């Protein structure tokens, strides 16, 4: 266990350095070649704004807000820990959120990047903190962890199908919904949210591998007939 955790820490350091390095490339050598395409995507999304899509994007933004993510993450951590009877399950949610938040802080301060050149629907944002996306990072950590833990719980009970599978897929898709909402609102470029989706997913996978939250296995009760067959003496010839 200790060895897996050390490997996870080392992977996190490398992942953070890669993200910061990629942000430097986006804001320096690749700025001229990437920013034009990024801006075109942002302008296209801004051109699709309607009176009914605006509230939908507000919902996506709300799901990625730090206070909302912390509150929902805390509930998920407690429920998952009790349902799976595993401290590792609760730790997965906490460490995923803290880790993504740390990389966001490093990236936004090491690689200042202006917001897209469109009207921003989310007021009060720091003008040069476009890279990476804190909302998307929160969404990957919280809802991605929920998807992983729900899949484990369902599998432990043999219910990984039908409505359960749909619920897992919907939870896994929430970070993408948040990412699209942030582009729609003009808060981030495509490469900002794309980078966050990638590093958030990698970090979650690393944690899931390192912590290995166990399934809470419920043993099927042995019926009287099964017990009788099991305890019946074996005849000797």
Protein backbone atom coordinates (compact mmCIF):
# COMPACT_ATOMS: atom_id res chain seq x y z
CA UNK A 1 0.00 0.00 0.00
CA UNK A 2 2.77 2.43 0.95
CA UNK A 3 4.58 1.69 -2.29
CA UNK A 4 1.45 2.41 -4.34
CA UNK A 5 0.90 5.70 -2.52
CA UNK A 6 4.50 6.78 -3.13
CA UNK A 7 4.07 5.95 -6.80
CA UNK A 8 0.86 8.00 -6.85
CA UNK A 9 2.66 10.99 -5.31
CA UNK A 10 5.48 10.71 -7.85
CA UNK A 11 2.97 10.47 -10.68
CA UNK A 12 1.17 13.54 -9.37
CA UNK A 13 4.37 15.57 -9.36
CA UNK A 14 5.12 14.54 -12.94
CA UNK A 15 1.53 15.26 -13.99
CA UNK A 16 1.64 18.74 -12.43
CA UNK A 17 4.92 19.53 -14.18
CA UNK A 18 3.54 18.32 -17.52
CA UNK A 19 0.44 20.51 -17.13
CA UNK A 20 2.51 23.57 -16.23
CA UNK A 21 4.84 22.86 -19.16
CA UNK A 22 1.93 22.45 -21.54
CA UNK A 23 0.45 25.70 -20.31
CA UNK A 24 3.75 27.46 -20.98
CA UNK A 25 3.74 26.11 -24.54
CA UNK A 26 0.17 27.33 -25.05
CA UNK A 27 1.02 30.82 -23.82
CA UNK A 28 4.41 31.13 -25.51
CA UNK A 29 5.70 29.06 -28.49
CA UNK A 30 2.30 27.69 -29.55
CA UNK A 31 0.29 30.80 -28.84
CA UNK A 32 0.20 32.00 -32.43
CA UNK A 33 -0.81 28.66 -33.91
CA UNK A 34 -3.26 27.47 -31.22
CA UNK A 35 -4.96 30.63 -30.06
CA UNK A 36 -6.58 31.35 -33.42
CA UNK A 37 -8.32 27.99 -33.50
CA UNK A 38 -9.24 28.32 -29.82
CA UNK A 39 -10.76 31.73 -30.42
CA UNK A 40 -12.74 30.43 -33.41
CA UNK A 41 -14.26 27.69 -31.22
CA UNK A 42 -15.14 30.23 -28.52
CA UNK A 43 -16.77 32.54 -31.05
CA UNK A 44 -18.78 29.65 -32.49
CA UNK A 45 -20.11 28.71 -29.05
CA UNK A 46 -20.90 32.37 -28.32
CA UNK A 47 -22.87 32.47 -31.56
CA UNK A 48 -25.07 29.59 -30.37
CA UNK A 49 -26.26 31.38 -27.25
CA UNK A 50 -30.02 31.41 -26.75
CA UNK A 51 -32.39 32.29 -23.94
CA UNK A 52 -32.91 28.63 -23.11
CA UNK A 53 -29.29 27.47 -23.40
CA UNK A 54 -28.02 30.20 -21.07
CA UNK A 55 -29.71 28.66 -17.98
CA UNK A 56 -28.45 25.22 -19.01
CA UNK A 57 -24.87 26.55 -19.04
CA UNK A 58 -25.55 28.19 -15.66
CA UNK A 59 -26.38 24.74 -14.30
CA UNK A 60 -23.16 23.31 -15.73
CA UNK A 61 -21.20 26.13 -14.12
CA UNK A 62 -22.98 25.63 -10.80
CA UNK A 63 -22.07 21.94 -10.75
CA UNK A 64 -18.39 22.89 -11.03
CA UNK A 65 -18.40 25.68 -8.44
CA UNK A 66 -15.93 25.05 -5.62
CA UNK A 67 -18.45 25.32 -2.74
CA UNK A 68 -20.92 23.07 -4.55
CA UNK A 69 -18.21 20.57 -5.41
CA UNK A 70 -16.95 20.50 -1.83
CA UNK A 71 -20.45 19.96 -0.43
CA UNK A 72 -21.38 17.23 -2.91
CA UNK A 73 -17.94 15.65 -2.60
CA UNK A 74 -18.26 15.47 1.18
CA UNK A 75 -21.63 13.73 0.89
CA UNK A 76 -20.27 11.29 -1.69
CA UNK A 77 -17.22 10.53 0.47
CA UNK A 78 -19.34 9.75 3.53
CA UNK A 79 -21.96 7.72 1.67
CA UNK A 80 -19.36 5.78 -0.34
CA UNK A 81 -17.27 5.10 2.74
CA UNK A 82 -20.27 3.66 4.57
CA UNK A 83 -21.75 1.80 1.60
CA UNK A 84 -18.47 0.19 0.60
CA UNK A 85 -17.23 -0.02 4.21
CA UNK A 86 -13.96 1.44 3.03
CA UNK A 87 -11.91 4.42 4.18
CA UNK A 88 -10.15 4.25 0.80
CA UNK A 89 -13.45 5.01 -0.95
CA UNK A 90 -13.85 8.25 0.99
CA UNK A 91 -10.18 9.11 0.54
CA UNK A 92 -10.54 8.72 -3.24
CA UNK A 93 -13.01 11.61 -3.44
CA UNK A 94 -11.04 13.88 -1.11
CA UNK A 95 -7.65 13.30 -2.72
CA UNK A 96 -9.03 13.60 -6.24
CA UNK A 97 -10.52 17.01 -5.46
CA UNK A 98 -7.49 18.28 -3.55
CA UNK A 99 -5.12 17.05 -6.24
CA UNK A 100 -7.04 18.63 -9.10
CA UNK A 101 -7.29 21.87 -7.13
CA UNK A 102 -3.53 21.90 -6.60
CA UNK A 103 -2.78 21.48 -10.30
CA UNK A 104 -5.30 24.18 -11.16
CA UNK A 105 -3.62 26.59 -8.73
CA UNK A 106 -0.17 25.85 -10.15
CA UNK A 107 -1.29 26.14 -13.76
CA UNK A 108 -3.28 29.34 -13.35
CA UNK A 109 -0.42 31.11 -11.53
CA UNK A 110 2.48 29.73 -13.56
CA UNK A 111 0.81 30.17 -16.95
CA UNK A 112 -1.43 33.27 -16.98
CA UNK A 113 -3.72 33.17 -20.01
CA UNK A 114 -6.38 35.66 -21.06
CA UNK A 115 -10.00 34.58 -21.32
CA UNK A 116 -11.50 34.06 -24.80
CA UNK A 117 -12.31 37.23 -26.79
CA UNK A 118 -16.09 36.91 -26.35
CA UNK A 119 -18.60 38.29 -23.90
CA UNK A 120 -18.22 36.28 -20.68
CA UNK A 121 -21.50 35.21 -19.12
CA UNK A 122 -19.90 34.37 -15.77
CA UNK A 123 -19.00 37.74 -14.18
CA UNK A 124 -16.16 38.36 -11.74
CA UNK A 125 -13.61 35.93 -13.18
CA UNK A 126 -9.90 36.67 -12.92
CA UNK A 127 -9.06 37.91 -16.45
CA UNK A 128 -5.86 35.89 -16.93
CA UNK A 129 -6.81 32.63 -15.19
CA UNK A 130 -8.22 30.91 -18.25
CA UNK A 131 -5.76 27.99 -18.04
CA UNK A 132 -6.67 25.42 -16.77
CA UNK A 133 -10.33 25.16 -15.67
CA UNK A 134 -11.04 24.90 -11.96
CA UNK A 135 -14.71 24.12 -12.58
CA UNK A 136 -13.89 21.19 -14.84
CA UNK A 137 -11.25 19.92 -12.41
CA UNK A 138 -13.80 19.92 -9.60
CA UNK A 139 -16.32 18.13 -11.80
CA UNK A 140 -13.88 15.38 -12.78
CA UNK A 141 -12.82 14.84 -9.18
CA UNK A 142 -16.30 14.80 -7.64
CA UNK A 143 -18.53 13.25 -10.29
CA UNK A 144 -15.80 11.05 -11.74
CA UNK A 145 -15.13 9.62 -8.28
CA UNK A 146 -18.86 9.13 -7.79
CA UNK A 147 -19.06 7.18 -11.06
CA UNK A 148 -16.15 4.93 -10.07
CA UNK A 149 -17.50 4.25 -6.57
CA UNK A 150 -21.07 3.68 -7.77
CA UNK A 151 -19.78 1.18 -10.32
CA UNK A 152 -17.91 -0.67 -7.55
CA UNK A 153 -20.98 -0.72 -5.30
CA UNK A 154 -23.26 -1.96 -8.08
CA UNK A 155 -20.80 -4.62 -9.15
CA UNK A 156 -20.47 -5.89 -5.58
CA UNK A 157 -24.21 -6.55 -5.62
CA UNK A 158 -24.44 -7.90 -9.13
CA UNK A 159 -26.55 -4.96 -10.32
CA UNK A 160 -24.19 -3.52 -12.93
CA UNK A 161 -26.79 -3.22 -15.65
CA UNK A 162 -29.87 -1.31 -16.69
CA UNK A 163 -30.55 1.75 -14.55
CA UNK A 164 -27.32 1.34 -12.60
CA UNK A 165 -25.19 1.47 -15.71
CA UNK A 166 -27.09 4.51 -16.96
CA UNK A 167 -26.44 6.29 -13.64
CA UNK A 168 -22.71 5.56 -13.87
CA UNK A 169 -22.54 6.85 -17.44
CA UNK A 170 -24.45 10.02 -16.55
CA UNK A 171 -22.12 10.76 -13.64
CA UNK A 172 -19.08 10.15 -15.86
CA UNK A 173 -20.48 12.57 -18.47
CA UNK A 174 -21.08 15.44 -16.04
CA UNK A 175 -17.49 16.78 -16.32
CA UNK A 176 -17.97 17.02 -20.10
CA UNK A 177 -21.21 18.92 -19.54
CA UNK A 178 -19.39 21.33 -17.23
CA UNK A 179 -16.60 21.75 -19.79
CA UNK A 180 -19.02 22.59 -22.60
CA UNK A 181 -20.84 25.02 -20.31
CA UNK A 182 -17.62 26.87 -19.52
CA UNK A 183 -16.75 27.22 -23.21
CA UNK A 184 -20.30 28.36 -23.93
CA UNK A 185 -20.05 31.03 -21.24
CA UNK A 186 -16.75 32.29 -22.64
CA UNK A 187 -14.85 31.46 -19.46
CA UNK A 188 -12.28 29.11 -21.03
CA UNK A 189 -10.74 28.07 -24.31
CA UNK A 190 -11.21 24.57 -25.69
CA UNK A 191 -7.59 23.69 -24.83
CA UNK A 192 -8.12 24.88 -21.24
CA UNK A 193 -11.01 22.54 -20.54
CA UNK A 194 -9.51 19.76 -22.66
CA UNK A 195 -6.29 19.84 -20.66
CA UNK A 196 -8.24 19.69 -17.40
CA UNK A 197 -10.35 16.74 -18.54
CA UNK A 198 -7.19 14.83 -19.41
CA UNK A 199 -5.15 15.49 -16.27
CA UNK A 200 -8.20 15.12 -14.02
CA UNK A 201 -9.03 11.73 -15.50
CA UNK A 202 -5.41 10.54 -15.25
CA UNK A 203 -5.16 11.63 -11.61
CA UNK A 204 -8.44 9.89 -10.76
CA UNK A 205 -7.26 6.68 -12.44
CA UNK A 206 -3.94 6.84 -10.56
CA UNK A 207 -5.75 7.27 -7.24
CA UNK A 208 -8.21 4.47 -7.96
CA UNK A 209 -5.29 2.16 -8.74
CA UNK A 210 -3.28 3.22 -5.68
CA UNK A 211 -6.10 3.16 -3.13
CA UNK A 212 -7.99 0.20 -4.58
CA UNK A 213 -11.22 0.77 -2.65
CA UNK A 214 -12.66 -2.65 -1.86
CA UNK A 215 -16.12 -3.80 -2.74
CA UNK A 216 -18.45 -4.30 0.18
CA UNK A 217 -19.37 -7.89 -0.50
CA UNK A 218 -22.68 -9.09 0.83
CA UNK A 219 -22.65 -12.82 1.33
CA UNK A 220 -25.75 -14.56 0.04
CA UNK A 221 -27.43 -16.42 2.90
CA UNK A 222 -27.20 -20.18 2.72
CA UNK A 223 -30.58 -21.85 2.50
CA UNK A 224 -31.53 -24.76 4.70
CA UNK A 225 -31.42 -27.20 1.78
CA UNK A 226 -28.00 -25.95 0.67
CA UNK A 227 -26.74 -26.16 4.22
CA UNK A 228 -28.07 -29.69 4.52
CA UNK A 229 -26.38 -30.77 1.31
CA UNK A 230 -23.14 -29.12 2.38
CA UNK A 231 -23.14 -30.78 5.82
CA UNK A 232 -24.37 -34.18 4.68
CA UNK A 233 -21.83 -36.94 5.37
CA UNK A 234 -20.09 -38.46 2.41
CA UNK A 235 -20.84 -42.19 2.23
CA UNK A 236 -17.87 -44.54 2.18
CA UNK A 237 -17.97 -47.70 0.14
